[in-house]
Structures are given as structure tokens and as C-alpha cells.
Amino acid sequence: MEKKFLKAFADVVREEVARKNKVKINGLGIFKLEHQKQFQKQYENGRVVMMPPKDRIRFISEN
């Protein structure tokens, strides 16, 4: 039962955030979509790679 609930919860949060809606859970926090711009990443060996832009789900707690 717990696994089914967690899967359903994750699916709902993912769908709503994909629609650019914030998901607020009172006493817990907010899930929202955040766009990450393209950036350069440099490895220890000196190699530089351009990382592509992407959208990600961000959680902000209600502390």
C-alpha cells in the first residue's frame, strides 16, 4: 500500500510540475519547476564540456 501511494504521489507531483504548476503541501513545502541554463563544466583533467539547459523539479521546505 505504501509503495502504491508513493508512486501515485510522485506521478501527481511530476504531472502538475510539468504543467508549470506549483505543488504546495502544508507543513512540508513546495515542489516547482526550475529552468537551469546552459553552463560550462570543467573537469580536473582540464577538459571543458558545455552542459545543456534543462528543467528540473525543485523542492523548497517550509522551515
PDB file of N, CA and C in Angstrom:
ATOM      1  N   MET A   1       0.821  -1.194   0.000  1.00  0.00           N
ATOM      2  CA  MET A   1       0.000   0.000   0.000  1.00  0.00           C
ATOM      3  C   MET A   1       0.866   1.260   0.000  1.00  0.00           C
ATOM      4  N   GLU A   2       1.942   1.288   0.801  1.00  0.00           N
ATOM      5  CA  GLU A   2       2.798   2.467   0.879  1.00  0.00           C
ATOM      6  C   GLU A   2       3.489   2.743  -0.455  1.00  0.00           C
ATOM      7  N   LYS A   3       3.946   1.691  -1.135  1.00  0.00           N
ATOM      8  CA  LYS A   3       4.619   1.872  -2.421  1.00  0.00           C
ATOM      9  C   LYS A   3       3.653   2.434  -3.457  1.00  0.00           C
ATOM     10  N   LYS A   4       2.406   1.960  -3.438  1.00  0.00           N
ATOM     11  CA  LYS A   4       1.404   2.462  -4.377  1.00  0.00           C
ATOM     12  C   LYS A   4       1.133   3.939  -4.123  1.00  0.00           C
ATOM     13  N   PHE A   5       1.028   4.316  -2.850  1.00  0.00           N
ATOM     14  CA  PHE A   5       0.785   5.717  -2.504  1.00  0.00           C
ATOM     15  C   PHE A   5       1.940   6.593  -2.960  1.00  0.00           C
ATOM     16  N   LEU A   6       3.175   6.191  -2.658  1.00  0.00           N
ATOM     17  CA  LEU A   6       4.341   6.987  -3.037  1.00  0.00           C
ATOM     18  C   LEU A   6       4.457   7.129  -4.548  1.00  0.00           C
ATOM     19  N   LYS A   7       4.176   6.061  -5.283  1.00  0.00           N
ATOM     20  CA  LYS A   7       4.217   6.122  -6.744  1.00  0.00           C
ATOM     21  C   LYS A   7       3.152   7.077  -7.263  1.00  0.00           C
ATOM     22  N   ALA A   8       1.933   6.971  -6.731  1.00  0.00           N
ATOM     23  CA  ALA A   8       0.843   7.855  -7.165  1.00  0.00           C
ATOM     24  C   ALA A   8       1.170   9.307  -6.813  1.00  0.00           C
ATOM     25  N   PHE A   9       1.710   9.540  -5.626  1.00  0.00           N
ATOM     26  CA  PHE A   9       2.087  10.884  -5.195  1.00  0.00           C
ATOM     27  C   PHE A   9       3.142  11.466  -6.135  1.00  0.00           C
ATOM     28  N   ALA A  10       4.170  10.689  -6.422  1.00  0.00           N
ATOM     29  CA  ALA A  10       5.238  11.148  -7.318  1.00  0.00           C
ATOM     30  C   ALA A  10       4.689  11.436  -8.718  1.00  0.00           C
ATOM     31  N   ASP A  11       3.780  10.609  -9.194  1.00  0.00           N
ATOM     32  CA  ASP A  11       3.192  10.816 -10.516  1.00  0.00           C
ATOM     33  C   ASP A  11       2.402  12.122 -10.572  1.00  0.00           C
ATOM     34  N   VAL A  12       1.615  12.391  -9.527  1.00  0.00           N
ATOM     35  CA  VAL A  12       0.812  13.615  -9.487  1.00  0.00           C
ATOM     36  C   VAL A  12       1.718  14.846  -9.432  1.00  0.00           C
ATOM     37  N   VAL A  13       2.724  14.814  -8.584  1.00  0.00           N
ATOM     38  CA  VAL A  13       3.651  15.944  -8.478  1.00  0.00           C
ATOM     39  C   VAL A  13       4.345  16.174  -9.821  1.00  0.00           C
ATOM     40  N   ARG A  14       4.836  15.118 -10.442  1.00  0.00           N
ATOM     41  CA  ARG A  14       5.533  15.231 -11.730  1.00  0.00           C
ATOM     42  C   ARG A  14       4.622  15.825 -12.811  1.00  0.00           C
ATOM     43  N   GLU A  15       3.373  15.345 -12.870  1.00  0.00           N
ATOM     44  CA  GLU A  15       2.437  15.839 -13.882  1.00  0.00           C
ATOM     45  C   GLU A  15       2.116  17.315 -13.675  1.00  0.00           C
ATOM     46  N   GLU A  16       1.845  17.707 -12.449  1.00  0.00           N
ATOM     47  CA  GLU A  16       1.499  19.099 -12.174  1.00  0.00           C
ATOM     48  C   GLU A  16       2.673  20.035 -12.401  1.00  0.00           C
ATOM     49  N   VAL A  17       3.856  19.624 -12.004  1.00  0.00           N
ATOM     50  CA  VAL A  17       5.033  20.461 -12.210  1.00  0.00           C
ATOM     51  C   VAL A  17       5.340  20.560 -13.708  1.00  0.00           C
ATOM     52  N   ALA A  18       5.123  19.493 -14.454  1.00  0.00           N
ATOM     53  CA  ALA A  18       5.328  19.521 -15.906  1.00  0.00           C
ATOM     54  C   ALA A  18       4.376  20.517 -16.564  1.00  0.00           C
ATOM     55  N   ARG A  19       3.213  20.743 -15.960  1.00  0.00           N
ATOM     56  CA  ARG A  19       2.247  21.735 -16.452  1.00  0.00           C
ATOM     57  C   ARG A  19       2.573  23.134 -15.946  1.00  0.00           C
ATOM     58  N   LYS A  20       3.735  23.266 -15.305  1.00  0.00           N
ATOM     59  CA  LYS A  20       4.230  24.529 -14.748  1.00  0.00           C
ATOM     60  C   LYS A  20       3.392  25.018 -13.561  1.00  0.00           C
ATOM     61  N   ASN A  21       2.775  24.099 -12.842  1.00  0.00           N
ATOM     62  CA  ASN A  21       2.053  24.414 -11.615  1.00  0.00           C
ATOM     63  C   ASN A  21       2.935  24.113 -10.417  1.00  0.00           C
ATOM     64  N   LYS A  22       2.796  24.906  -9.366  1.00  0.00           N
ATOM     65  CA  LYS A  22       3.481  24.610  -8.108  1.00  0.00           C
ATOM     66  C   LYS A  22       2.609  23.647  -7.317  1.00  0.00           C
ATOM     67  N   VAL A  23       3.242  22.747  -6.587  1.00  0.00           N
ATOM     68  CA  VAL A  23       2.524  21.818  -5.724  1.00  0.00           C
ATOM     69  C   VAL A  23       2.932  22.135  -4.291  1.00  0.00           C
ATOM     70  N   LYS A  24       1.977  22.670  -3.511  1.00  0.00           N
ATOM     71  CA  LYS A  24       2.265  23.051  -2.131  1.00  0.00           C
ATOM     72  C   LYS A  24       1.615  22.043  -1.191  1.00  0.00           C
ATOM     73  N   ILE A  25       2.408  21.560  -0.243  1.00  0.00           N
ATOM     74  CA  ILE A  25       1.912  20.642   0.776  1.00  0.00           C
ATOM     75  C   ILE A  25       2.113  21.346   2.114  1.00  0.00           C
ATOM     76  N   ASN A  26       1.010  21.733   2.739  1.00  0.00           N
ATOM     77  CA  ASN A  26       1.091  22.462   4.001  1.00  0.00           C
ATOM     78  C   ASN A  26       1.892  21.683   5.033  1.00  0.00           C
ATOM     79  N   GLY A  27       2.800  22.376   5.687  1.00  0.00           N
ATOM     80  CA  GLY A  27       3.635  21.759   6.703  1.00  0.00           C
ATOM     81  C   GLY A  27       4.855  21.045   6.155  1.00  0.00           C
ATOM     82  N   LEU A  28       4.955  20.929   4.841  1.00  0.00           N
ATOM     83  CA  LEU A  28       6.078  20.230   4.233  1.00  0.00           C
ATOM     84  C   LEU A  28       6.891  21.158   3.328  1.00  0.00           C
ATOM     85  N   GLY A  29       6.251  21.677   2.269  1.00  0.00           N
ATOM     86  CA  GLY A  29       6.963  22.564   1.358  1.00  0.00           C
ATOM     87  C   GLY A  29       6.317  22.643  -0.003  1.00  0.00           C
ATOM     88  N   ILE A  30       7.094  23.128  -0.970  1.00  0.00           N
ATOM     89  CA  ILE A  30       6.602  23.368  -2.322  1.00  0.00           C
ATOM     90  C   ILE A  30       7.501  22.663  -3.338  1.00  0.00           C
ATOM     91  N   PHE A  31       6.869  22.016  -4.311  1.00  0.00           N
ATOM     92  CA  PHE A  31       7.561  21.457  -5.467  1.00  0.00           C
ATOM     93  C   PHE A  31       7.287  22.403  -6.624  1.00  0.00           C
ATOM     94  N   LYS A  32       8.341  22.796  -7.367  1.00  0.00           N
ATOM     95  CA  LYS A  32       8.131  23.666  -8.508  1.00  0.00           C
ATOM     96  C   LYS A  32       9.161  23.380  -9.588  1.00  0.00           C
ATOM     97  N   LEU A  33       8.846  23.830 -10.801  1.00  0.00           N
ATOM     98  CA  LEU A  33       9.736  23.645 -11.939  1.00  0.00           C
ATOM     99  C   LEU A  33      10.778  24.748 -11.937  1.00  0.00           C
ATOM    100  N   GLU A  34      12.015  24.378 -12.184  1.00  0.00           N
ATOM    101  CA  GLU A  34      13.104  25.345 -12.239  1.00  0.00           C
ATOM    102  C   GLU A  34      13.899  25.092 -13.508  1.00  0.00           C
ATOM    103  N   HIS A  35      14.117  26.152 -14.273  1.00  0.00           N
ATOM    104  CA  HIS A  35      14.894  26.030 -15.508  1.00  0.00           C
ATOM    105  C   HIS A  35      16.364  26.290 -15.194  1.00  0.00           C
ATOM    106  N   GLN A  36      17.209  25.388 -15.624  1.00  0.00           N
ATOM    107  CA  GLN A  36      18.652  25.524 -15.425  1.00  0.00           C
ATOM    108  C   GLN A  36      19.268  25.896 -16.767  1.00  0.00           C
ATOM    109  N   LYS A  37      19.973  27.015 -16.814  1.00  0.00           N
ATOM    110  CA  LYS A  37      20.587  27.476 -18.062  1.00  0.00           C
ATOM    111  C   LYS A  37      21.795  26.617 -18.430  1.00  0.00           C
ATOM    112  N   GLN A  38      22.190  26.743 -19.678  1.00  0.00           N
ATOM    113  CA  GLN A  38      23.396  26.062 -20.168  1.00  0.00           C
ATOM    114  C   GLN A  38      24.607  26.608 -19.416  1.00  0.00           C
ATOM    115  N   PHE A  39      25.558  25.740 -19.104  1.00  0.00           N
ATOM    116  CA  PHE A  39      26.761  26.197 -18.421  1.00  0.00           C
ATOM    117  C   PHE A  39      27.953  25.328 -18.808  1.00  0.00           C
ATOM    118  N   GLN A  40      29.155  25.843 -18.519  1.00  0.00           N
ATOM    119  CA  GLN A  40      30.383  25.103 -18.788  1.00  0.00           C
ATOM    120  C   GLN A  40      30.807  24.350 -17.543  1.00  0.00           C
ATOM    121  N   LYS A  41      31.230  23.114 -17.741  1.00  0.00           N
ATOM    122  CA  LYS A  41      31.747  22.315 -16.637  1.00  0.00           C
ATOM    123  C   LYS A  41      33.186  21.952 -16.978  1.00  0.00           C
ATOM    124  N   GLN A  42      34.094  22.203 -16.030  1.00  0.00           N
ATOM    125  CA  GLN A  42      35.500  21.877 -16.269  1.00  0.00           C
ATOM    126  C   GLN A  42      35.899  20.734 -15.349  1.00  0.00           C
ATOM    127  N   TYR A  43      36.450  19.695 -15.955  1.00  0.00           N
ATOM    128  CA  TYR A  43      36.899  18.527 -15.213  1.00  0.00           C
ATOM    129  C   TYR A  43      38.324  18.729 -14.718  1.00  0.00           C
ATOM    130  N   GLU A  44      38.763  17.897 -13.795  1.00  0.00           N
ATOM    131  CA  GLU A  44      40.102  18.008 -13.214  1.00  0.00           C
ATOM    132  C   GLU A  44      41.207  17.879 -14.257  1.00  0.00           C
ATOM    133  N   ASN A  45      40.938  17.116 -15.317  1.00  0.00           N
ATOM    134  CA  ASN A  45      41.958  16.941 -16.357  1.00  0.00           C
ATOM    135  C   ASN A  45      42.014  18.126 -17.333  1.00  0.00           C
ATOM    136  N   GLY A  46      41.214  19.170 -17.082  1.00  0.00           N
ATOM    137  CA  GLY A  46      41.222  20.364 -17.911  1.00  0.00           C
ATOM    138  C   GLY A  46      40.192  20.365 -19.021  1.00  0.00           C
ATOM    139  N   ARG A  47      39.538  19.257 -19.237  1.00  0.00           N
ATOM    140  CA  ARG A  47      38.521  19.154 -20.287  1.00  0.00           C
ATOM    141  C   ARG A  47      37.319  20.023 -19.922  1.00  0.00           C
ATOM    142  N   VAL A  48      36.821  20.792 -20.882  1.00  0.00           N
ATOM    143  CA  VAL A  48      35.664  21.667 -20.678  1.00  0.00           C
ATOM    144  C   VAL A  48      34.507  21.136 -21.525  1.00  0.00           C
ATOM    145  N   VAL A  49      33.348  21.002 -20.905  1.00  0.00           N
ATOM    146  CA  VAL A  49      32.165  20.478 -21.584  1.00  0.00           C
ATOM    147  C   VAL A  49      31.007  21.449 -21.368  1.00  0.00           C
ATOM    148  N   MET A  50      30.241  21.721 -22.416  1.00  0.00           N
ATOM    149  CA  MET A  50      29.043  22.546 -22.294  1.00  0.00           C
ATOM    150  C   MET A  50      27.891  21.638 -21.856  1.00  0.00           C
ATOM    151  N   MET A  51      27.296  21.957 -20.732  1.00  0.00           N
ATOM    152  CA  MET A  51      26.158  21.195 -20.235  1.00  0.00           C
ATOM    153  C   MET A  51      24.891  21.842 -20.786  1.00  0.00           C
ATOM    154  N   PRO A  52      23.976  21.058 -21.348  1.00  0.00           N
ATOM    155  CA  PRO A  52      22.782  21.630 -21.973  1.00  0.00           C
ATOM    156  C   PRO A  52      21.797  22.181 -20.932  1.00  0.00           C
ATOM    157  N   PRO A  53      20.942  23.104 -21.358  1.00  0.00           N
ATOM    158  CA  PRO A  53      19.917  23.596 -20.432  1.00  0.00           C
ATOM    159  C   PRO A  53      18.926  22.474 -20.135  1.00  0.00           C
ATOM    160  N   LYS A  54      18.291  22.549 -18.962  1.00  0.00           N
ATOM    161  CA  LYS A  54      17.314  21.526 -18.617  1.00  0.00           C
ATOM    162  C   LYS A  54      16.347  22.071 -17.574  1.00  0.00           C
ATOM    163  N   ASP A  55      15.207  21.438 -17.494  1.00  0.00           N
ATOM    164  CA  ASP A  55      14.226  21.738 -16.457  1.00  0.00           C
ATOM    165  C   ASP A  55      14.343  20.669 -15.384  1.00  0.00           C
ATOM    166  N   ARG A  56      14.165  21.085 -14.129  1.00  0.00           N
ATOM    167  CA  ARG A  56      14.221  20.113 -13.036  1.00  0.00           C
ATOM    168  C   ARG A  56      13.191  20.481 -11.994  1.00  0.00           C
ATOM    169  N   ILE A  57      12.824  19.508 -11.205  1.00  0.00           N
ATOM    170  CA  ILE A  57      11.883  19.737 -10.115  1.00  0.00           C
ATOM    171  C   ILE A  57      12.676  20.147  -8.889  1.00  0.00           C
ATOM    172  N   ARG A  58      12.273  21.262  -8.281  1.00  0.00           N
ATOM    173  CA  ARG A  58      12.943  21.749  -7.077  1.00  0.00           C
ATOM    174  C   ARG A  58      11.971  21.685  -5.913  1.00  0.00           C
ATOM    175  N   PHE A  59      12.471  21.271  -4.755  1.00  0.00           N
ATOM    176  CA  PHE A  59      11.665  21.231  -3.528  1.00  0.00           C
ATOM    177  C   PHE A  59      12.188  22.285  -2.569  1.00  0.00           C
ATOM    178  N   ILE A  60      11.277  23.109  -2.058  1.00  0.00           N
ATOM    179  CA  ILE A  60      11.629  24.130  -1.069  1.00  0.00           C
ATOM    180  C   ILE A  60      10.846  23.822   0.201  1.00  0.00           C
ATOM    181  N   SER A  61      11.562  23.544   1.281  1.00  0.00           N
ATOM    182  CA  SER A  61      10.884  23.169   2.531  1.00  0.00           C
ATOM    183  C   SER A  61      10.316  24.393   3.237  1.00  0.00           C
ATOM    184  N   GLU A  62       9.330  24.162   4.088  1.00  0.00           N
ATOM    185  CA  GLU A  62       8.681  25.226   4.862  1.00  0.00           C
ATOM    186  C   GLU A  62       9.306  25.327   6.243  1.00  0.00           C
ATOM    187  N   ASN A  63      10.519  25.743   6.334  1.00  0.00           N
ATOM    188  CA  ASN A  63      11.144  25.877   7.656  1.00  0.00           C
ATOM    189  C   ASN A  63      10.971  27.250   8.184  1.00  0.00           C
TER     190      ASN A  63
END
